[in-house]
C-alpha atoms as a PDB file:
ATOM      1  CA  UNK A   1       0.035   0.070  -0.083  1.00  0.00           C
ATOM      2  CA  UNK A   2       1.137   3.491  -0.776  1.00  0.00           C
ATOM      3  CA  UNK A   3      -0.133   5.941   1.191  1.00  0.00           C
ATOM      4  CA  UNK A   4      -0.129  10.087   0.725  1.00  0.00           C
ATOM      5  CA  UNK A   5      -0.339  10.719   4.717  1.00  0.00           C
ATOM      6  CA  UNK A   6       3.114  11.191   6.141  1.00  0.00           C
ATOM      7  CA  UNK A   7       5.127   8.462   7.779  1.00  0.00           C
ATOM      8  CA  UNK A   8       7.134   8.046  10.718  1.00  0.00           C
ATOM      9  CA  UNK A   9       8.818   4.889  12.752  1.00  0.00           C
ATOM     10  CA  UNK A  10       8.762   5.425  16.321  1.00  0.00           C
ATOM     11  CA  UNK A  11      11.347   3.528  18.243  1.00  0.00           C
ATOM     12  CA  UNK A  12      10.638   3.200  22.047  1.00  0.00           C
ATOM     13  CA  UNK A  13       6.979   3.160  21.194  1.00  0.00           C
ATOM     14  CA  UNK A  14       5.784   0.966  23.753  1.00  0.00           C
ATOM     15  CA  UNK A  15       6.263   3.510  26.570  1.00  0.00           C
ATOM     16  CA  UNK A  16       7.689   6.652  27.860  1.00  0.00           C
ATOM     17  CA  UNK A  17       8.489   9.592  25.492  1.00  0.00           C
ATOM     18  CA  UNK A  18       8.317   7.339  21.943  1.00  0.00           C
ATOM     19  CA  UNK A  19       4.563   6.282  23.011  1.00  0.00           C
ATOM     20  CA  UNK A  20       3.747   9.714  23.832  1.00  0.00           C
ATOM     21  CA  UNK A  21       5.327  10.717  20.501  1.00  0.00           C
ATOM     22  CA  UNK A  22       3.820   8.216  18.536  1.00  0.00           C
ATOM     23  CA  UNK A  23       0.372   9.213  19.922  1.00  0.00           C
ATOM     24  CA  UNK A  24       1.064  12.765  19.152  1.00  0.00           C
ATOM     25  CA  UNK A  25       1.983  11.893  15.361  1.00  0.00           C
ATOM     26  CA  UNK A  26      -1.607   9.664  15.031  1.00  0.00           C
ATOM     27  CA  UNK A  27      -3.515  12.461  16.136  1.00  0.00           C
ATOM     28  CA  UNK A  28      -2.216  15.024  13.584  1.00  0.00           C
ATOM     29  CA  UNK A  29      -2.735  12.260  11.036  1.00  0.00           C
ATOM     30  CA  UNK A  30       0.534  10.440  10.330  1.00  0.00           C
ATOM     31  CA  UNK A  31       0.681   6.663   9.770  1.00  0.00           C
ATOM     32  CA  UNK A  32       2.980   5.756  12.391  1.00  0.00           C
ATOM     33  CA  UNK A  33       5.359   2.716  12.533  1.00  0.00           C
ATOM     34  CA  UNK A  34       5.668   1.368  16.027  1.00  0.00           C
ATOM     35  CA  UNK A  35       9.074   0.053  16.822  1.00  0.00           C
ATOM     36  CA  UNK A  36      10.249  -1.984  19.963  1.00  0.00           C
ATOM     37  CA  UNK A  37      11.097  -4.723  21.780  1.00  0.00           C
ATOM     38  CA  UNK A  38       7.983  -5.703  23.461  1.00  0.00           C
ATOM     39  CA  UNK A  39       5.112  -6.612  20.642  1.00  0.00           C
ATOM     40  CA  UNK A  40       2.556  -6.513  23.613  1.00  0.00           C
ATOM     41  CA  UNK A  41       3.237  -2.861  24.753  1.00  0.00           C
ATOM     42  CA  UNK A  42       3.225  -1.880  21.110  1.00  0.00           C
ATOM     43  CA  UNK A  43      -0.039  -2.925  20.444  1.00  0.00           C
ATOM     44  CA  UNK A  44      -1.648  -1.420  23.770  1.00  0.00           C
ATOM     45  CA  UNK A  45       0.009   2.011  22.324  1.00  0.00           C
ATOM     46  CA  UNK A  46      -1.704   0.757  18.629  1.00  0.00           C
ATOM     47  CA  UNK A  47      -4.782   0.575  20.753  1.00  0.00           C
ATOM     48  CA  UNK A  48      -4.669   3.926  22.532  1.00  0.00           C
ATOM     49  CA  UNK A  49      -4.176   5.482  19.044  1.00  0.00           C
ATOM     50  CA  UNK A  50      -6.844   3.592  17.140  1.00  0.00           C
ATOM     51  CA  UNK A  51      -9.268   6.334  18.039  1.00  0.00           C
ATOM     52  CA  UNK A  52      -7.508   9.204  15.352  1.00  0.00           C
ATOM     53  CA  UNK A  53      -8.368   6.895  12.650  1.00  0.00           C
ATOM     54  CA  UNK A  54      -4.598   7.130  11.467  1.00  0.00           C
ATOM     55  CA  UNK A  55      -2.796   3.637  10.847  1.00  0.00           C
ATOM     56  CA  UNK A  56      -0.282   1.906  12.501  1.00  0.00           C
ATOM     57  CA  UNK A  57       2.258  -0.530  11.948  1.00  0.00           C
ATOM     58  CA  UNK A  58       3.689  -2.875  15.087  1.00  0.00           C
ATOM     59  CA  UNK A  59       6.566  -4.020  14.063  1.00  0.00           C
ATOM     60  CA  UNK A  60       8.665  -5.627  17.362  1.00  0.00           C
ATOM     61  CA  UNK A  61      12.484  -4.362  16.795  1.00  0.00           C
ATOM     62  CA  UNK A  62      15.352  -4.823  18.490  1.00  0.00           C
ATOM     63  CA  UNK A  63      17.429  -1.595  17.860  1.00  0.00           C
ATOM     64  CA  UNK A  64      20.905  -3.416  18.292  1.00  0.00           C
ATOM     65  CA  UNK A  65      20.420  -6.026  15.942  1.00  0.00           C
ATOM     66  CA  UNK A  66      21.213  -5.028  12.549  1.00  0.00           C
ATOM     67  CA  UNK A  67      18.814  -7.693  11.063  1.00  0.00           C
ATOM     68  CA  UNK A  68      16.182  -6.842  12.870  1.00  0.00           C
ATOM     69  CA  UNK A  69      16.378  -2.660  11.928  1.00  0.00           C
ATOM     70  CA  UNK A  70      16.673  -3.798   8.058  1.00  0.00           C
ATOM     71  CA  UNK A  71      13.441  -5.950   8.892  1.00  0.00           C
ATOM     72  CA  UNK A  72      11.878  -2.722  10.076  1.00  0.00           C
ATOM     73  CA  UNK A  73      12.840  -0.911   7.225  1.00  0.00           C
ATOM     74  CA  UNK A  74      11.525  -3.321   4.672  1.00  0.00           C
ATOM     75  CA  UNK A  75       8.320  -3.636   6.266  1.00  0.00           C
ATOM     76  CA  UNK A  76       7.505  -0.159   6.515  1.00  0.00           C
ATOM     77  CA  UNK A  77       8.220   0.440   2.467  1.00  0.00           C
ATOM     78  CA  UNK A  78       6.169  -2.540   1.995  1.00  0.00           C
ATOM     79  CA  UNK A  79       3.588  -0.977   4.313  1.00  0.00           C
ATOM     80  CA  UNK A  80       3.430   2.509   3.452  1.00  0.00           C
ATOM     81  CA  UNK A  81       6.141   2.802   0.421  1.00  0.00           C
ATOM     82  CA  UNK A  82       7.759   6.198   2.388  1.00  0.00           C
ATOM     83  CA  UNK A  83       9.074   7.294   5.031  1.00  0.00           C
ATOM     84  CA  UNK A  84       9.045  10.825   6.011  1.00  0.00           C
ATOM     85  CA  UNK A  85      10.379  10.917   9.863  1.00  0.00           C
ATOM     86  CA  UNK A  86      12.433   8.126  11.988  1.00  0.00           C
ATOM     87  CA  UNK A  87      11.583   8.928  16.005  1.00  0.00           C
ATOM     88  CA  UNK A  88      14.465   7.182  18.147  1.00  0.00           C
END
């Protein structure tokens, strides 16, 4: 799927500043890829942002592993066809 929305990857999106930033971007209409180590926390963030109607993609990611980061960018490209912001 290619989107005309702006697309962001937010690492650490399961809690703290990452979660708050992801929710703020969703509220502004961005498509947000939620990245972090704990899938269940990322799903909670996605559920919290669902009321905005903006699309999310949960991608469990360990940023210390090159293959995991590569998969994050590949899944983002496959899902949205673009990337406008990386928030780490």
